[in-house]
Amino acid sequence: MRRALFWAAIALPLTAQVKIPQFSRQTLPNGVTLLLSAKRDVPLITLRAVIRGGAEAEPPGSAGLANLTAELLRRGAGPRNSEQFAQALDFIGAEFKTSADNQSTVVSIEFLSKDADRALELFSDALTKPAFPEGEFVKARDERVAAAKALKDEPDRIVSLYARAFFFGSGHPYGRPADELSYAALTRQQVNDYHRSLYVGRNLFLVAVGDFEPAQMSKRLAERFSPLPPGSPYAWKSAANPVFNGPRLLLVDKPDATQTYFAIQQPGIHRSHPDRVVLLLVNTLFGGRFTSMLNDELRVNSGLTYGASSRFQTDRLTGAFSMVTFTKTDTTAKTIDLALDVLRRLRDKGITAEQLQSAKAYVKGVFPTENLETSDQLAQVLGDLELFTLNRGEIDDLFSRIDSITPEQATAAARKYFRAENLQFTLIGNAAQIREAVARYAPTTKTVPISAPGIRPDK
């Protein structure tokens, strides 16, 4: 049930500034933070809970614990078992979602405003009174194990997990993707402990956007969540930024592959990095849209792939910059060479005023509809501002910051962050057919069979 809550600023010309709608912020006595934004356009409400920690807070050897805990919230909570909880959601037509990323767990529900009382009961029960029944735990864990194994038949999806593990290493919070081994090792007690430690007042904030009176919604949420124990806020971990003294190459051998999927990576930035806006523009030109330099060369001009892209990971800690694509086995080296050539071309030629203006217009054109059009998008934006301790200027001043960037600044950023040395290569393909051709990209090649259990290239 995702209906658009159209925002007037979307229709403004590109020279206008986007603004976050008015919202209030308050903290309950037990530490729960409430962020409320009333939008009366349509009779819908989105409620989003954000729990600090996510995968970063998982104990060593328990990758996937945050996601599994979140999934189990709906499989028995309060007076309802799993089936009864699902039926209660269906009865009011509510959409209930859970997910976990590197630094948070997100639980959200969207519902008609007339069903607010029932929806709030279900939502609060899931967060504060989950049963974690043994049978549902085993079922959910086994489903995750099976899904992780099946993912190895989808190289387009799993290449990012191998690249993540290879790039960061198991000693980094981001270098331990969940796999069938980590899921299989999880216990119900770990789920209980994780929930008891992190799902507490001082570690939780609630974002409500939609058709409600703020005072009434505040009262309703306080009644539901005030009994939650205050607990302690999650203490963010520190980690050294990835540093490489030379290129490295991981080759994941999939003998039946007819295509090679690959990621080329280097250190990037974190979510609140001061260069995040200029890099948004530069990456838009390089690989962040369909008409990018990377996609034009690899897909449109050469026909080597159906799509190529690049992105900066923007998590709490410094992440990776990645170029990702795929090609036929016999054009693997040719495609990598062309991707590297485009990278060097960006650095050598820099950014022209015309290119920069194109990127500015594109970003300003798509930003409102991709981030502020629906109630759940706005709830996500408000949640991110709180999670990353950013202020509303992150959105309200975005267009003016975009407008202020010059071609000289964009070129300087391109040459600083889009480097051609010490690159990290992760490839999934037929090793026997491509090993010799790709060996020149790094002094040594580490080869692991995709059939090997887990995603642990540093083992």
Protein backbone atom coordinates (compact mmCIF):
# COMPACT_ATOMS: atom_id res chain seq x y z
CA MET A 1 0.00 0.00 0.00
CA ARG A 2 2.32 2.72 -1.23
CA ARG A 3 0.34 5.76 -2.36
CA ALA A 4 1.95 9.03 -3.32
CA LEU A 5 1.74 11.92 -0.90
CA PHE A 6 2.48 14.56 -3.49
CA TRP A 7 4.53 17.44 -2.26
CA ALA A 8 4.05 20.88 -3.79
CA ALA A 9 7.79 21.50 -4.13
CA ILE A 10 8.04 18.68 -6.66
CA ALA A 11 6.35 20.82 -9.26
CA LEU A 12 8.70 23.77 -8.76
CA PRO A 13 11.31 24.65 -11.39
CA LEU A 14 14.81 23.27 -11.01
CA THR A 15 16.06 26.61 -9.70
CA ALA A 16 13.82 26.28 -6.65
CA GLN A 17 14.89 24.71 -3.37
CA VAL A 18 13.40 21.53 -1.93
CA LYS A 19 12.33 21.73 1.69
CA ILE A 20 11.44 19.09 4.24
CA PRO A 21 7.85 19.53 5.43
CA GLN A 22 7.43 20.64 9.02
CA PHE A 23 8.04 17.96 11.63
CA SER A 24 8.32 17.81 15.40
CA ARG A 25 10.86 16.02 17.55
CA GLN A 26 10.41 14.93 21.14
CA THR A 27 11.90 12.39 23.52
CA LEU A 28 9.88 10.21 25.86
CA PRO A 29 11.08 9.70 29.46
CA ASN A 30 12.47 6.27 28.57
CA GLY A 31 14.57 7.71 25.73
CA VAL A 32 12.40 6.86 22.71
CA THR A 33 12.61 9.69 20.18
CA LEU A 34 9.49 10.65 18.19
CA LEU A 35 9.64 12.42 14.82
CA LEU A 36 6.19 13.40 13.56
CA SER A 37 5.18 15.01 10.27
CA ALA A 38 1.47 15.46 9.53
CA LYS A 39 0.45 15.23 5.84
CA ARG A 40 -3.31 15.26 5.40
CA ASP A 41 -3.39 14.80 1.59
CA VAL A 42 -4.56 11.19 1.67
CA PRO A 43 -5.81 8.99 4.56
CA LEU A 44 -2.57 7.06 4.98
CA ILE A 45 0.02 6.82 7.73
CA THR A 46 3.56 5.45 7.60
CA LEU A 47 5.21 4.52 10.88
CA ARG A 48 8.91 3.67 10.88
CA ALA A 49 11.00 2.39 13.78
CA VAL A 50 14.78 2.68 13.56
CA ILE A 51 16.98 0.74 15.96
CA ARG A 52 20.64 1.78 16.02
CA GLY A 53 23.21 -0.94 15.50
CA GLY A 54 22.17 -3.21 12.66
CA ALA A 55 24.80 -5.59 11.34
CA GLU A 56 27.54 -3.54 13.00
CA ALA A 57 26.18 -4.60 16.40
CA GLU A 58 26.22 -8.32 15.65
CA PRO A 59 28.66 -10.30 17.80
CA PRO A 60 31.56 -11.95 15.94
CA GLY A 61 30.47 -15.02 14.01
CA SER A 62 26.77 -14.07 13.98
CA ALA A 63 26.35 -12.29 10.64
CA GLY A 64 22.67 -12.15 9.75
CA LEU A 65 21.50 -11.89 13.36
CA ALA A 66 20.04 -8.38 12.90
CA ASN A 67 18.03 -9.44 9.85
CA LEU A 68 16.82 -12.68 11.40
CA THR A 69 15.74 -10.90 14.58
CA ALA A 70 13.81 -8.36 12.53
CA GLU A 71 12.10 -11.07 10.48
CA LEU A 72 10.97 -12.91 13.61
CA LEU A 73 9.19 -9.84 14.99
CA ARG A 74 6.13 -10.67 12.89
CA ARG A 75 6.20 -14.41 13.59
CA GLY A 76 4.46 -14.22 16.93
CA ALA A 77 4.05 -11.12 19.06
CA GLY A 78 1.80 -10.12 21.94
CA PRO A 79 -1.25 -12.40 22.09
CA ARG A 80 -0.92 -13.53 18.44
CA ASN A 81 1.03 -16.34 16.85
CA SER A 82 2.60 -15.94 13.41
CA GLU A 83 -0.57 -16.80 11.47
CA GLN A 84 -2.78 -14.61 13.64
CA PHE A 85 -0.39 -11.67 13.29
CA ALA A 86 -0.43 -12.01 9.50
CA GLN A 87 -4.22 -12.25 9.47
CA ALA A 88 -4.55 -9.14 11.63
CA LEU A 89 -2.35 -7.21 9.19
CA ASP A 90 -4.36 -8.46 6.21
CA PHE A 91 -7.64 -7.54 7.90
CA ILE A 92 -6.72 -3.85 7.92
CA GLY A 93 -4.73 -3.97 4.67
CA ALA A 94 -1.51 -2.90 6.36
CA GLU A 95 1.96 -3.38 4.89
CA PHE A 96 4.56 -4.49 7.43
CA LYS A 97 8.26 -4.59 6.51
CA THR A 98 11.53 -5.30 8.28
CA SER A 99 15.14 -4.95 7.18
CA ALA A 100 18.62 -4.40 8.57
CA ASP A 101 21.62 -2.64 7.09
CA ASN A 102 25.11 -1.93 8.35
CA GLN A 103 24.08 0.52 11.07
CA SER A 104 20.39 0.03 11.79
CA THR A 105 17.33 -2.18 11.83
CA VAL A 106 14.18 -0.72 10.30
CA VAL A 107 10.64 -1.87 11.02
CA SER A 108 7.83 -0.09 9.18
CA ILE A 109 4.09 -0.30 8.77
CA GLU A 110 1.78 1.59 6.40
CA PHE A 111 -1.97 1.69 6.99
CA LEU A 112 -5.16 3.67 6.54
CA SER A 113 -5.56 6.38 9.16
CA LYS A 114 -8.94 4.97 10.22
CA ASP A 115 -7.13 1.80 11.35
CA ALA A 116 -4.50 3.59 13.42
CA ASP A 117 -5.40 1.98 16.74
CA ARG A 118 -5.21 -1.57 15.40
CA ALA A 119 -2.06 -0.87 13.41
CA LEU A 120 -0.31 0.71 16.40
CA GLU A 121 -1.18 -2.28 18.54
CA LEU A 122 0.35 -4.69 16.02
CA PHE A 123 3.38 -2.49 15.48
CA SER A 124 4.14 -2.00 19.17
CA ASP A 125 3.56 -5.67 19.96
CA ALA A 126 6.05 -6.68 17.26
CA LEU A 127 8.72 -4.35 18.58
CA THR A 128 8.19 -4.71 22.32
CA LYS A 129 6.55 -8.14 22.82
CA PRO A 130 7.97 -10.59 20.27
CA ALA A 131 7.66 -14.22 21.33
CA PHE A 132 10.48 -15.66 19.22
CA PRO A 133 8.88 -19.14 19.36
CA GLU A 134 11.33 -21.98 18.82
CA GLY A 135 9.45 -23.41 15.85
CA GLU A 136 9.32 -20.07 14.03
CA PHE A 137 12.97 -19.42 14.81
CA VAL A 138 14.04 -22.73 13.28
CA LYS A 139 11.82 -22.19 10.26
CA ALA A 140 13.08 -18.65 9.64
CA ARG A 141 16.71 -19.64 10.16
CA ASP A 142 16.41 -22.59 7.77
CA GLU A 143 14.76 -20.35 5.18
CA ARG A 144 17.70 -17.96 5.39
CA VAL A 145 20.20 -20.80 5.05
CA ALA A 146 18.42 -22.10 1.96
CA ALA A 147 18.15 -18.63 0.44
CA ALA A 148 21.86 -17.98 1.03
CA LYS A 149 22.77 -21.23 -0.75
CA ALA A 150 20.42 -20.46 -3.65
CA LEU A 151 21.96 -17.02 -4.04
CA LYS A 152 25.10 -18.63 -5.41
CA ASP A 153 23.11 -19.42 -8.55
CA GLU A 154 22.57 -15.67 -9.02
CA PRO A 155 26.03 -14.20 -9.66
CA ASP A 156 24.57 -10.80 -10.50
CA ARG A 157 23.39 -10.51 -6.89
CA ILE A 158 26.08 -12.35 -4.96
CA VAL A 159 29.05 -10.62 -6.60
CA SER A 160 28.45 -7.63 -4.32
CA LEU A 161 28.69 -9.86 -1.23
CA TYR A 162 31.97 -11.44 -2.33
CA ALA A 163 33.29 -7.98 -3.20
CA ARG A 164 32.27 -6.65 0.20
CA ALA A 165 34.00 -9.50 2.05
CA PHE A 166 37.13 -9.21 -0.09
CA PHE A 167 37.33 -5.43 0.10
CA PHE A 168 36.83 -4.97 3.84
CA GLY A 169 38.01 -8.30 5.26
CA SER A 170 36.49 -10.16 8.19
CA GLY A 171 38.09 -7.80 10.71
CA HIS A 172 35.88 -4.91 9.56
CA PRO A 173 32.19 -4.58 10.52
CA TYR A 174 31.27 -4.35 6.83
CA GLY A 175 33.38 -7.32 5.78
CA ARG A 176 31.19 -10.07 7.22
CA PRO A 177 28.17 -10.59 4.94
CA ALA A 178 25.62 -13.11 6.12
CA ASP A 179 25.88 -16.50 4.42
CA GLU A 180 24.63 -20.04 4.93
CA LEU A 181 27.32 -20.76 7.51
CA SER A 182 26.62 -17.74 9.68
CA TYR A 183 22.85 -18.24 9.52
CA ALA A 184 23.12 -21.93 10.39
CA ALA A 185 25.16 -21.10 13.51
CA LEU A 186 22.61 -18.66 14.96
CA THR A 187 20.65 -19.62 18.06
CA ARG A 188 17.34 -18.50 19.49
CA GLN A 189 19.19 -17.26 22.57
CA GLN A 190 21.26 -14.93 20.39
CA VAL A 191 18.07 -13.51 18.92
CA ASN A 192 16.65 -12.93 22.39
CA ASP A 193 19.87 -11.31 23.59
CA TYR A 194 20.17 -9.07 20.53
CA HIS A 195 16.58 -7.88 20.95
CA ARG A 196 16.94 -7.32 24.68
CA SER A 197 20.12 -5.29 24.21
CA LEU A 198 19.20 -3.10 21.23
CA TYR A 199 15.40 -2.80 21.16
CA VAL A 200 15.38 -0.36 24.08
CA GLY A 201 14.15 3.19 24.55
CA ARG A 202 17.44 5.03 24.27
CA ASN A 203 18.33 3.12 21.11
CA LEU A 204 15.03 3.56 19.27
CA PHE A 205 13.36 6.35 17.39
CA LEU A 206 9.95 6.36 15.73
CA VAL A 207 9.05 8.34 12.62
CA ALA A 208 5.38 8.92 11.77
CA VAL A 209 4.29 10.61 8.53
CA GLY A 210 0.74 10.98 7.28
CA ASP A 211 -2.87 11.71 8.12
CA PHE A 212 -2.91 12.39 11.87
CA GLU A 213 -2.98 15.12 14.46
CA PRO A 214 0.54 15.34 15.92
CA ALA A 215 -0.60 15.73 19.53
CA GLN A 216 -2.87 12.72 19.27
CA MET A 217 -0.24 10.59 17.53
CA SER A 218 2.34 11.57 20.13
CA LYS A 219 -0.01 10.47 22.88
CA ARG A 220 -0.75 7.16 21.16
CA LEU A 221 2.92 6.36 20.62
CA ALA A 222 3.79 7.32 24.18
CA GLU A 223 1.12 4.96 25.52
CA ARG A 224 2.44 2.10 23.41
CA PHE A 225 6.18 2.61 23.85
CA SER A 226 6.65 4.17 27.28
CA PRO A 227 6.76 0.71 28.94
CA LEU A 228 9.86 -0.13 26.90
CA PRO A 229 12.92 -0.28 29.19
CA PRO A 230 15.32 2.66 28.65
CA GLY A 231 18.40 0.51 28.24
CA SER A 232 21.57 2.01 26.77
CA PRO A 233 22.18 3.55 23.36
CA TYR A 234 24.32 1.43 21.08
CA ALA A 235 27.95 2.56 21.19
CA TRP A 236 29.13 3.02 17.63
CA LYS A 237 32.22 1.04 16.69
CA SER A 238 35.32 2.48 15.11
CA ALA A 239 37.16 0.85 12.24
CA ALA A 240 40.21 1.74 10.22
CA ASN A 241 39.48 2.96 6.70
CA PRO A 242 40.39 0.39 4.04
CA VAL A 243 43.93 1.02 2.75
CA PHE A 244 45.58 -0.99 -0.03
CA ASN A 245 49.24 -1.00 -1.04
CA GLY A 246 48.54 -2.48 -4.43
CA PRO A 247 45.87 -4.07 -6.62
CA ARG A 248 44.31 -7.37 -5.57
CA LEU A 249 42.07 -9.79 -7.45
CA LEU A 250 39.55 -12.32 -6.19
CA LEU A 251 38.32 -14.85 -8.75
CA VAL A 252 35.24 -16.79 -7.69
CA ASP A 253 35.15 -19.88 -9.88
CA LYS A 254 31.76 -20.80 -11.33
CA PRO A 255 32.63 -23.46 -13.91
CA ASP A 256 29.23 -23.40 -15.64
CA ALA A 257 29.25 -19.62 -16.09
CA THR A 258 28.94 -18.20 -19.60
CA GLN A 259 29.33 -14.63 -18.35
CA THR A 260 31.65 -12.86 -15.95
CA TYR A 261 30.25 -10.56 -13.30
CA PHE A 262 32.73 -8.19 -11.73
CA ALA A 263 33.16 -5.31 -9.32
CA ILE A 264 36.14 -2.94 -9.36
CA GLN A 265 36.53 -1.11 -6.06
CA GLN A 266 38.52 1.49 -4.18
CA PRO A 267 38.03 3.40 -0.89
CA GLY A 268 35.22 5.93 -0.94
CA ILE A 269 33.46 8.11 1.63
CA HIS A 270 31.04 7.89 4.56
CA ARG A 271 27.49 9.23 4.80
CA SER A 272 28.34 12.63 6.28
CA HIS A 273 31.57 13.22 4.33
CA PRO A 274 32.02 16.89 3.33
CA ASP A 275 32.52 15.91 -0.34
CA ARG A 276 29.29 13.93 -0.59
CA VAL A 277 27.43 16.46 -2.78
CA VAL A 278 30.17 17.05 -5.33
CA LEU A 279 30.71 13.29 -5.59
CA LEU A 280 27.00 12.78 -6.12
CA LEU A 281 27.31 14.96 -9.22
CA VAL A 282 30.57 13.47 -10.49
CA ASN A 283 29.33 9.91 -10.03
CA THR A 284 26.07 10.78 -11.79
CA LEU A 285 28.16 11.63 -14.83
CA PHE A 286 30.53 8.69 -14.48
CA GLY A 287 28.20 5.77 -13.72
CA GLY A 288 25.18 6.91 -11.75
CA ARG A 289 22.59 7.16 -14.53
CA PHE A 290 21.72 5.39 -17.77
CA THR A 291 23.38 8.10 -19.89
CA SER A 292 26.61 7.92 -17.91
CA MET A 293 30.14 7.69 -19.28
CA LEU A 294 30.49 4.11 -18.08
CA ASN A 295 27.19 2.84 -19.47
CA ASP A 296 27.62 4.72 -22.74
CA GLU A 297 30.98 3.10 -23.42
CA LEU A 298 30.31 -0.42 -22.16
CA ARG A 299 26.71 -0.81 -23.34
CA VAL A 300 25.77 1.75 -25.97
CA ASN A 301 29.00 2.18 -27.89
CA SER A 302 30.67 -1.24 -27.54
CA GLY A 303 27.75 -3.60 -26.81
CA LEU A 304 29.88 -5.48 -24.29
CA THR A 305 27.20 -5.50 -21.60
CA TYR A 306 23.55 -4.71 -20.99
CA GLY A 307 24.41 -2.27 -18.24
CA ALA A 308 27.26 -0.79 -16.23
CA SER A 309 27.09 1.45 -13.18
CA SER A 310 29.06 2.90 -10.31
CA ARG A 311 28.19 4.04 -6.81
CA PHE A 312 29.63 5.34 -3.57
CA GLN A 313 28.64 3.36 -0.49
CA THR A 314 27.30 5.89 2.03
CA ASP A 315 27.20 4.20 5.41
CA ARG A 316 28.30 5.46 8.82
CA LEU A 317 31.88 4.26 8.27
CA THR A 318 33.95 4.85 5.15
CA GLY A 319 32.77 2.50 2.44
CA ALA A 320 33.74 1.50 -1.07
CA PHE A 321 33.41 3.11 -4.46
CA SER A 322 32.38 0.38 -6.92
CA MET A 323 32.11 -0.08 -10.66
CA VAL A 324 29.90 -3.07 -11.47
CA THR A 325 28.93 -4.81 -14.70
CA PHE A 326 28.96 -8.17 -16.52
CA THR A 327 29.92 -9.48 -19.93
CA LYS A 328 30.37 -12.66 -21.94
CA THR A 329 33.22 -14.88 -20.76
CA ASP A 330 35.37 -14.28 -23.83
CA THR A 331 35.09 -10.47 -23.53
CA THR A 332 35.95 -10.29 -19.83
CA ALA A 333 39.37 -8.64 -20.19
CA LYS A 334 38.16 -6.36 -22.98
CA THR A 335 35.33 -5.09 -20.79
CA ILE A 336 37.56 -4.54 -17.77
CA ASP A 337 40.07 -2.69 -19.95
CA LEU A 338 37.36 -0.42 -21.30
CA ALA A 339 36.00 0.29 -17.79
CA LEU A 340 39.49 1.25 -16.65
CA ASP A 341 39.94 3.41 -19.73
CA VAL A 342 36.75 5.32 -18.91
CA LEU A 343 38.02 5.79 -15.36
CA ARG A 344 41.32 7.24 -16.61
CA ARG A 345 39.51 9.42 -19.13
CA LEU A 346 37.46 11.01 -16.34
CA ARG A 347 40.63 11.85 -14.43
CA ASP A 348 42.56 13.10 -17.47
CA LYS A 349 39.85 15.22 -19.08
CA GLY A 350 38.00 16.38 -15.98
CA ILE A 351 34.46 17.76 -15.91
CA THR A 352 33.26 20.42 -18.34
CA ALA A 353 30.74 23.11 -17.48
CA GLU A 354 28.23 21.52 -19.83
CA GLN A 355 28.62 18.09 -18.21
CA LEU A 356 28.30 19.53 -14.74
CA GLN A 357 25.14 21.43 -15.66
CA SER A 358 23.66 18.22 -17.03
CA ALA A 359 24.41 16.38 -13.78
CA LYS A 360 22.95 19.19 -11.69
CA ALA A 361 19.73 19.23 -13.69
CA TYR A 362 19.43 15.45 -13.49
CA VAL A 363 19.97 15.22 -9.74
CA LYS A 364 17.64 18.11 -8.98
CA GLY A 365 15.03 16.62 -11.29
CA VAL A 366 14.94 13.15 -9.76
CA PHE A 367 15.70 13.93 -6.12
CA PRO A 368 12.19 14.94 -5.00
CA THR A 369 10.42 11.98 -6.62
CA GLU A 370 13.02 9.50 -5.37
CA ASN A 371 13.20 10.83 -1.82
CA LEU A 372 10.24 12.98 -0.85
CA GLU A 373 7.22 11.97 -2.88
CA THR A 374 5.68 9.27 -0.69
CA SER A 375 5.09 9.01 3.02
CA ASP A 376 7.56 6.16 3.43
CA GLN A 377 10.23 8.07 1.48
CA LEU A 378 9.83 11.07 3.74
CA ALA A 379 9.88 8.82 6.80
CA GLN A 380 13.13 7.32 5.57
CA VAL A 381 14.67 10.75 5.04
CA LEU A 382 13.70 11.89 8.54
CA GLY A 383 15.00 8.63 9.97
CA ASP A 384 18.33 9.00 8.17
CA LEU A 385 18.79 12.54 9.44
CA GLU A 386 18.31 11.31 13.00
CA LEU A 387 20.44 8.18 12.57
CA PHE A 388 23.40 10.03 11.06
CA THR A 389 22.94 13.13 13.28
CA LEU A 390 22.37 15.43 10.31
CA ASN A 391 20.16 18.52 10.40
CA ARG A 392 17.36 19.54 8.05
CA GLY A 393 19.86 21.58 6.05
CA GLU A 394 20.93 18.27 4.52
CA ILE A 395 17.75 18.53 2.41
CA ASP A 396 16.76 22.20 2.65
CA ASP A 397 20.16 23.43 1.46
CA LEU A 398 20.89 20.60 -0.99
CA PHE A 399 20.01 22.45 -4.18
CA SER A 400 21.96 25.56 -3.19
CA ARG A 401 25.00 23.37 -2.45
CA ILE A 402 24.58 21.69 -5.83
CA ASP A 403 24.32 25.08 -7.55
CA SER A 404 27.51 26.32 -5.87
CA ILE A 405 29.75 23.56 -7.22
CA THR A 406 32.07 24.66 -10.04
CA PRO A 407 33.64 22.60 -12.86
CA GLU A 408 37.01 23.09 -11.16
CA GLN A 409 35.69 21.61 -7.90
CA ALA A 410 34.09 18.69 -9.73
CA THR A 411 37.29 17.97 -11.62
CA ALA A 412 39.35 18.10 -8.43
CA ALA A 413 36.97 15.63 -6.77
CA ALA A 414 37.12 13.31 -9.78
CA ARG A 415 40.90 13.23 -9.65
CA LYS A 416 40.96 12.72 -5.89
CA TYR A 417 38.40 9.93 -5.56
CA PHE A 418 38.27 8.19 -8.96
CA ARG A 419 41.73 6.71 -8.82
CA ALA A 420 43.24 4.15 -11.18
CA GLU A 421 45.79 2.61 -8.80
CA ASN A 422 45.51 -0.04 -6.07
CA LEU A 423 42.15 -1.22 -7.41
CA GLN A 424 40.41 -4.24 -5.89
CA PHE A 425 38.87 -6.67 -8.40
CA THR A 426 36.20 -9.25 -7.63
CA LEU A 427 35.13 -11.52 -10.49
CA ILE A 428 32.64 -14.38 -10.68
CA GLY A 429 33.04 -16.53 -13.76
CA ASN A 430 34.63 -19.57 -15.36
CA ALA A 431 38.11 -19.47 -13.85
CA ALA A 432 39.62 -21.90 -16.34
CA GLN A 433 38.67 -19.63 -19.22
CA ILE A 434 39.46 -16.20 -17.77
CA ARG A 435 42.24 -16.73 -15.21
CA GLU A 436 45.09 -16.11 -17.63
CA ALA A 437 43.46 -13.05 -19.20
CA VAL A 438 42.75 -11.29 -15.89
CA ALA A 439 46.03 -12.13 -14.15
CA ARG A 440 47.59 -8.87 -15.36
CA TYR A 441 45.31 -6.73 -13.17
CA ALA A 442 47.00 -7.74 -9.90
CA PRO A 443 50.31 -9.34 -8.84
CA THR A 444 48.46 -12.39 -7.52
CA THR A 445 45.03 -13.90 -8.01
CA LYS A 446 43.11 -15.57 -5.22
CA THR A 447 40.72 -18.19 -6.54
CA VAL A 448 37.86 -19.67 -4.52
CA PRO A 449 35.20 -22.07 -5.80
CA ILE A 450 31.68 -20.70 -5.59
CA SER A 451 30.65 -24.14 -4.31
CA ALA A 452 32.75 -23.62 -1.16
CA PRO A 453 30.49 -23.02 1.85
CA GLY A 454 29.96 -19.42 2.84
CA ILE A 455 31.38 -16.15 1.53
CA ARG A 456 34.75 -16.03 3.25
CA PRO A 457 37.53 -15.25 0.75
CA ASP A 458 40.06 -14.40 3.48
CA LYS A 459 39.83 -17.84 5.07
